[in-house]
N, C-alpha and C. Protein backbone atom coordinates (compact mmCIF):
# COMPACT_ATOMS: atom_id res chain seq x y z
N MET A 1 42.42 -69.09 95.58
CA MET A 1 43.18 -68.56 94.48
C MET A 1 42.74 -67.11 94.25
N THR A 2 43.71 -66.25 94.02
CA THR A 2 43.44 -64.86 93.68
C THR A 2 43.83 -64.64 92.23
N LEU A 3 42.88 -64.20 91.43
CA LEU A 3 43.15 -63.95 90.02
C LEU A 3 43.95 -62.67 89.84
N PRO A 4 44.75 -62.58 88.80
CA PRO A 4 45.51 -61.35 88.55
C PRO A 4 44.58 -60.20 88.18
N VAL A 5 45.01 -58.99 88.47
CA VAL A 5 44.20 -57.82 88.11
C VAL A 5 44.40 -57.42 86.65
N ALA A 6 45.46 -57.94 86.02
CA ALA A 6 45.72 -57.70 84.60
C ALA A 6 46.63 -58.80 84.08
N VAL A 7 46.59 -59.02 82.79
CA VAL A 7 47.50 -59.98 82.16
C VAL A 7 48.33 -59.24 81.12
N LEU A 8 49.52 -59.77 80.85
CA LEU A 8 50.46 -59.09 79.95
C LEU A 8 50.59 -59.75 78.60
N GLY A 9 49.79 -60.75 78.32
CA GLY A 9 49.82 -61.39 77.02
C GLY A 9 50.70 -62.63 76.99
N PRO A 10 50.54 -63.41 75.92
CA PRO A 10 51.23 -64.70 75.80
C PRO A 10 52.69 -64.57 75.38
N HIS A 11 53.56 -65.11 76.16
CA HIS A 11 55.00 -65.18 75.83
C HIS A 11 55.60 -63.82 75.48
N GLY A 12 55.17 -62.78 76.13
CA GLY A 12 55.68 -61.43 75.84
C GLY A 12 57.05 -61.18 76.43
N SER A 13 57.50 -62.06 77.31
CA SER A 13 58.80 -61.92 77.98
C SER A 13 58.94 -60.58 78.69
N ALA A 14 58.10 -60.36 79.68
CA ALA A 14 58.18 -59.13 80.48
C ALA A 14 59.47 -59.15 81.28
N LEU A 15 60.33 -58.19 81.01
CA LEU A 15 61.65 -58.17 81.67
C LEU A 15 61.78 -56.98 82.62
N GLY A 16 61.95 -55.80 82.06
CA GLY A 16 62.17 -54.62 82.88
C GLY A 16 60.86 -54.07 83.41
N THR A 17 60.78 -53.85 84.71
CA THR A 17 59.61 -53.24 85.30
C THR A 17 60.06 -52.16 86.28
N ARG A 18 59.44 -51.00 86.17
CA ARG A 18 59.77 -49.90 87.08
C ARG A 18 58.54 -49.04 87.34
N PHE A 19 58.36 -48.65 88.59
CA PHE A 19 57.35 -47.67 88.92
C PHE A 19 57.90 -46.29 88.57
N TYR A 20 57.03 -45.44 88.02
CA TYR A 20 57.46 -44.11 87.61
C TYR A 20 57.27 -43.13 88.76
N THR A 21 58.37 -42.57 89.21
CA THR A 21 58.33 -41.58 90.29
C THR A 21 58.81 -40.23 89.82
N GLY A 22 59.11 -40.10 88.53
CA GLY A 22 59.61 -38.84 87.99
C GLY A 22 58.52 -37.79 87.85
N LYS A 23 58.95 -36.61 87.38
CA LYS A 23 58.02 -35.49 87.23
C LYS A 23 57.94 -34.98 85.80
N MET A 24 58.62 -35.61 84.85
CA MET A 24 58.62 -35.13 83.47
C MET A 24 57.32 -35.46 82.73
N PHE A 25 56.81 -36.67 82.91
CA PHE A 25 55.61 -37.09 82.20
C PHE A 25 54.36 -36.52 82.89
N PRO A 26 53.22 -36.51 82.20
CA PRO A 26 51.99 -36.01 82.80
C PRO A 26 51.66 -36.72 84.13
N ALA A 27 50.89 -36.05 84.96
CA ALA A 27 50.58 -36.52 86.31
C ALA A 27 50.00 -37.92 86.34
N GLU A 28 49.23 -38.32 85.32
CA GLU A 28 48.61 -39.65 85.36
C GLU A 28 49.64 -40.80 85.33
N TYR A 29 50.89 -40.51 84.98
CA TYR A 29 51.92 -41.55 84.98
C TYR A 29 52.56 -41.73 86.36
N LYS A 30 52.36 -40.79 87.26
CA LYS A 30 52.96 -40.85 88.59
C LYS A 30 52.56 -42.16 89.28
N ASP A 31 53.54 -42.88 89.75
CA ASP A 31 53.38 -44.15 90.47
C ASP A 31 52.78 -45.27 89.63
N SER A 32 52.68 -45.09 88.31
CA SER A 32 52.24 -46.19 87.45
C SER A 32 53.46 -47.06 87.14
N LEU A 33 53.20 -48.21 86.55
CA LEU A 33 54.25 -49.19 86.29
C LEU A 33 54.55 -49.25 84.79
N PHE A 34 55.83 -49.16 84.45
CA PHE A 34 56.27 -49.38 83.08
C PHE A 34 56.84 -50.79 82.99
N ILE A 35 56.44 -51.51 81.95
CA ILE A 35 56.91 -52.89 81.75
C ILE A 35 57.42 -53.05 80.33
N VAL A 36 58.63 -53.56 80.19
CA VAL A 36 59.21 -53.86 78.89
C VAL A 36 58.86 -55.31 78.55
N ARG A 37 58.27 -55.49 77.36
CA ARG A 37 57.97 -56.85 76.87
C ARG A 37 58.90 -57.10 75.68
N LYS A 38 59.94 -57.87 75.93
CA LYS A 38 60.98 -58.14 74.93
C LYS A 38 60.43 -58.79 73.68
N GLY A 39 59.43 -59.60 73.82
CA GLY A 39 58.82 -60.22 72.65
C GLY A 39 59.02 -61.71 72.60
N SER A 40 58.04 -62.36 71.99
CA SER A 40 58.06 -63.81 71.86
C SER A 40 58.97 -64.21 70.70
N TRP A 41 59.51 -65.37 70.80
CA TRP A 41 60.33 -65.89 69.69
C TRP A 41 59.79 -67.22 69.20
N ASN A 42 58.95 -67.86 70.01
CA ASN A 42 58.50 -69.22 69.71
C ASN A 42 57.00 -69.30 69.47
N ARG A 43 56.41 -68.25 68.97
CA ARG A 43 54.97 -68.26 68.68
C ARG A 43 54.76 -68.09 67.18
N THR A 44 53.67 -68.65 66.70
CA THR A 44 53.32 -68.46 65.30
C THR A 44 53.03 -66.99 65.02
N LYS A 45 52.28 -66.35 65.91
CA LYS A 45 52.00 -64.91 65.82
C LYS A 45 52.82 -64.22 66.90
N LYS A 46 53.79 -63.42 66.48
CA LYS A 46 54.68 -62.76 67.44
C LYS A 46 53.90 -61.77 68.31
N PHE A 47 54.42 -61.55 69.52
CA PHE A 47 53.74 -60.70 70.48
C PHE A 47 54.77 -60.00 71.36
N GLY A 48 54.48 -58.77 71.74
CA GLY A 48 55.37 -58.03 72.61
C GLY A 48 56.16 -57.00 71.83
N TYR A 49 57.47 -56.96 72.04
CA TYR A 49 58.35 -56.01 71.36
C TYR A 49 57.90 -54.57 71.62
N ASP A 50 57.63 -54.26 72.90
CA ASP A 50 57.12 -52.94 73.23
C ASP A 50 57.34 -52.62 74.71
N VAL A 51 56.92 -51.42 75.08
CA VAL A 51 56.87 -51.01 76.48
C VAL A 51 55.42 -50.62 76.75
N VAL A 52 54.86 -51.14 77.83
CA VAL A 52 53.49 -50.81 78.20
C VAL A 52 53.49 -50.08 79.54
N ASN A 53 52.40 -49.37 79.77
CA ASN A 53 52.20 -48.69 81.04
C ASN A 53 51.00 -49.33 81.72
N VAL A 54 51.14 -49.61 83.01
CA VAL A 54 50.08 -50.24 83.77
C VAL A 54 49.65 -49.30 84.89
N ARG A 55 48.35 -49.00 84.89
CA ARG A 55 47.78 -48.15 85.94
C ARG A 55 46.81 -48.99 86.75
N ILE A 56 47.09 -49.05 88.03
CA ILE A 56 46.29 -49.87 88.94
C ILE A 56 45.21 -49.00 89.55
N SER A 57 44.00 -49.55 89.65
CA SER A 57 42.89 -48.80 90.22
C SER A 57 43.15 -48.50 91.70
N PRO A 58 42.55 -47.44 92.22
CA PRO A 58 42.76 -47.09 93.63
C PRO A 58 42.40 -48.22 94.61
N ASP A 59 41.44 -49.07 94.25
CA ASP A 59 41.07 -50.17 95.14
C ASP A 59 41.93 -51.43 94.91
N ASN A 60 42.88 -51.35 93.98
CA ASN A 60 43.80 -52.46 93.66
C ASN A 60 43.09 -53.69 93.11
N LYS A 61 41.89 -53.53 92.57
CA LYS A 61 41.14 -54.67 92.06
C LYS A 61 41.16 -54.79 90.54
N SER A 62 41.70 -53.80 89.88
CA SER A 62 41.81 -53.88 88.42
C SER A 62 43.01 -53.04 87.98
N ALA A 63 43.44 -53.27 86.77
CA ALA A 63 44.56 -52.52 86.21
C ALA A 63 44.36 -52.40 84.71
N LYS A 64 44.83 -51.30 84.16
CA LYS A 64 44.72 -51.07 82.73
C LYS A 64 46.12 -51.07 82.12
N VAL A 65 46.33 -51.94 81.13
CA VAL A 65 47.60 -52.04 80.42
C VAL A 65 47.46 -51.30 79.10
N THR A 66 48.28 -50.27 78.89
CA THR A 66 48.20 -49.48 77.65
C THR A 66 49.57 -49.41 76.98
N PRO A 67 49.58 -49.38 75.65
CA PRO A 67 50.85 -49.23 74.93
C PRO A 67 51.52 -47.91 75.28
N PHE A 68 52.84 -47.92 75.38
CA PHE A 68 53.59 -46.70 75.65
C PHE A 68 54.64 -46.46 74.57
N LEU A 69 55.48 -47.44 74.30
CA LEU A 69 56.52 -47.32 73.27
C LEU A 69 56.37 -48.53 72.35
N THR A 70 55.96 -48.28 71.11
CA THR A 70 55.67 -49.36 70.17
C THR A 70 56.39 -49.11 68.85
N GLY A 71 56.16 -49.99 67.90
CA GLY A 71 56.73 -49.82 66.57
C GLY A 71 57.91 -50.72 66.27
N PHE A 72 58.31 -51.54 67.22
CA PHE A 72 59.44 -52.45 67.00
C PHE A 72 59.04 -53.68 66.20
N LEU A 73 57.74 -53.97 66.14
CA LEU A 73 57.23 -55.16 65.45
C LEU A 73 56.25 -54.74 64.37
N ASP A 74 56.43 -55.27 63.17
CA ASP A 74 55.49 -55.04 62.07
C ASP A 74 54.49 -56.18 62.10
N ASP A 75 53.26 -55.88 62.51
CA ASP A 75 52.24 -56.93 62.64
C ASP A 75 51.89 -57.59 61.32
N LYS A 76 52.07 -56.89 60.20
CA LYS A 76 51.69 -57.46 58.90
C LYS A 76 52.57 -58.63 58.51
N ASP A 77 53.86 -58.46 58.63
CA ASP A 77 54.76 -59.54 58.18
C ASP A 77 55.53 -60.22 59.31
N GLU A 78 55.16 -59.87 60.58
CA GLU A 78 55.77 -60.50 61.75
C GLU A 78 57.27 -60.22 61.87
N ALA A 79 57.75 -59.20 61.22
CA ALA A 79 59.17 -58.84 61.31
C ALA A 79 59.36 -57.83 62.44
N PHE A 80 60.47 -57.94 63.13
CA PHE A 80 60.78 -56.96 64.16
C PHE A 80 62.16 -56.39 63.90
N TRP A 81 62.32 -55.13 64.24
CA TRP A 81 63.62 -54.49 64.03
C TRP A 81 64.28 -54.14 65.36
N GLY A 82 63.58 -54.33 66.45
CA GLY A 82 64.15 -54.05 67.76
C GLY A 82 63.50 -54.90 68.82
N ARG A 83 64.22 -55.08 69.93
CA ARG A 83 63.69 -55.84 71.07
C ARG A 83 64.03 -55.10 72.36
N PRO A 84 63.09 -54.28 72.84
CA PRO A 84 63.36 -53.60 74.10
C PRO A 84 63.59 -54.64 75.19
N ALA A 85 64.56 -54.37 76.06
CA ALA A 85 64.91 -55.37 77.06
C ALA A 85 64.82 -54.87 78.50
N TYR A 86 65.13 -53.62 78.74
CA TYR A 86 65.08 -53.11 80.11
C TYR A 86 64.89 -51.61 80.08
N LEU A 87 64.52 -51.04 81.22
CA LEU A 87 64.37 -49.59 81.28
C LEU A 87 64.90 -49.05 82.59
N LEU A 88 65.27 -47.78 82.54
CA LEU A 88 65.84 -47.13 83.71
C LEU A 88 65.33 -45.70 83.77
N PRO A 89 64.61 -45.34 84.85
CA PRO A 89 64.19 -43.95 85.00
C PRO A 89 65.40 -43.08 85.34
N MET A 90 65.45 -41.90 84.76
CA MET A 90 66.54 -40.97 85.00
C MET A 90 66.11 -39.88 85.99
N ALA A 91 67.08 -39.19 86.55
CA ALA A 91 66.79 -38.14 87.55
C ALA A 91 65.92 -37.03 86.98
N ASP A 92 66.02 -36.76 85.66
CA ASP A 92 65.22 -35.69 85.06
C ASP A 92 63.79 -36.14 84.73
N GLY A 93 63.47 -37.41 84.98
CA GLY A 93 62.13 -37.93 84.72
C GLY A 93 61.99 -38.67 83.40
N SER A 94 63.00 -38.63 82.55
CA SER A 94 62.95 -39.38 81.29
C SER A 94 63.20 -40.86 81.59
N LEU A 95 62.99 -41.70 80.57
CA LEU A 95 63.24 -43.13 80.71
C LEU A 95 64.27 -43.56 79.67
N LEU A 96 65.22 -44.36 80.08
CA LEU A 96 66.12 -45.01 79.14
C LEU A 96 65.60 -46.41 78.89
N VAL A 97 65.54 -46.79 77.61
CA VAL A 97 65.08 -48.13 77.23
C VAL A 97 66.17 -48.78 76.40
N SER A 98 66.65 -49.94 76.86
CA SER A 98 67.69 -50.64 76.10
C SER A 98 67.04 -51.54 75.05
N ASP A 99 67.76 -51.72 73.95
CA ASP A 99 67.30 -52.55 72.83
C ASP A 99 68.37 -53.60 72.58
N GLU A 100 68.05 -54.86 72.89
CA GLU A 100 69.06 -55.91 72.73
C GLU A 100 69.28 -56.30 71.27
N GLN A 101 68.36 -56.00 70.40
CA GLN A 101 68.50 -56.34 68.99
C GLN A 101 69.58 -55.47 68.33
N LEU A 102 69.54 -54.17 68.61
CA LEU A 102 70.46 -53.23 67.96
C LEU A 102 71.60 -52.78 68.87
N GLY A 103 71.54 -53.14 70.14
CA GLY A 103 72.55 -52.66 71.07
C GLY A 103 72.40 -51.16 71.32
N ALA A 104 71.19 -50.66 71.22
CA ALA A 104 70.94 -49.23 71.36
C ALA A 104 70.27 -48.93 72.70
N ILE A 105 70.36 -47.67 73.10
CA ILE A 105 69.63 -47.17 74.26
C ILE A 105 68.86 -45.95 73.80
N TYR A 106 67.55 -45.96 74.04
CA TYR A 106 66.68 -44.85 73.65
C TYR A 106 66.32 -44.04 74.89
N ARG A 107 66.32 -42.73 74.74
CA ARG A 107 65.86 -41.86 75.83
C ARG A 107 64.47 -41.36 75.46
N VAL A 108 63.49 -41.68 76.31
CA VAL A 108 62.11 -41.27 76.10
C VAL A 108 61.83 -40.09 77.03
N SER A 109 61.46 -38.97 76.44
CA SER A 109 61.19 -37.78 77.24
C SER A 109 59.86 -37.18 76.84
N TYR A 110 59.40 -36.20 77.62
CA TYR A 110 58.13 -35.54 77.37
C TYR A 110 58.33 -34.05 77.51
N THR A 111 57.92 -33.30 76.49
CA THR A 111 58.08 -31.85 76.54
C THR A 111 56.75 -31.12 76.55
N GLY A 112 55.65 -31.84 76.56
CA GLY A 112 54.34 -31.23 76.58
C GLY A 112 53.62 -31.45 75.26
N LYS A 113 52.33 -31.15 75.28
CA LYS A 113 51.52 -31.33 74.08
C LYS A 113 51.82 -30.24 73.07
N LYS A 114 51.77 -30.61 71.80
CA LYS A 114 51.95 -29.62 70.74
C LYS A 114 50.63 -28.91 70.51
N SER A 115 50.72 -27.62 70.26
CA SER A 115 49.49 -26.85 70.04
C SER A 115 49.09 -26.83 68.59
C-alpha cells in the first residue's frame, strides 16, 4: 500500500482540478495544482467551500495544501453563501471559478503585490 502524499479533508467534494501553467500568478504557482472543494452537505461540521492550491515536493513524497480562494463558508454559524464547483485556467493566466450556489463565475487574477 502506498499512502497519499496529502489529504483533502473529510467530505470536501473535490471536483475541479487543474495544474497551473499560466504566467499571471507568482512563479511558485507554476505547475502546482488547484483543487475546488465544493463542500460537504452531510456533516455536522461543514467543510470545504473553497479552492486550495497543492504544491508537490520535488521528490514527490510530500505535498502542501494551502487555502487559495476562501470565504464562502462562515465557520461560526456553518452558513455558506457560495459553493465553488469547477475552475478553468484562461489564456491570460487568470482562473475562472464557477459557483453552483449563485450561478456565478468569478475571475481570479493577480496584478502584483501592493506597496
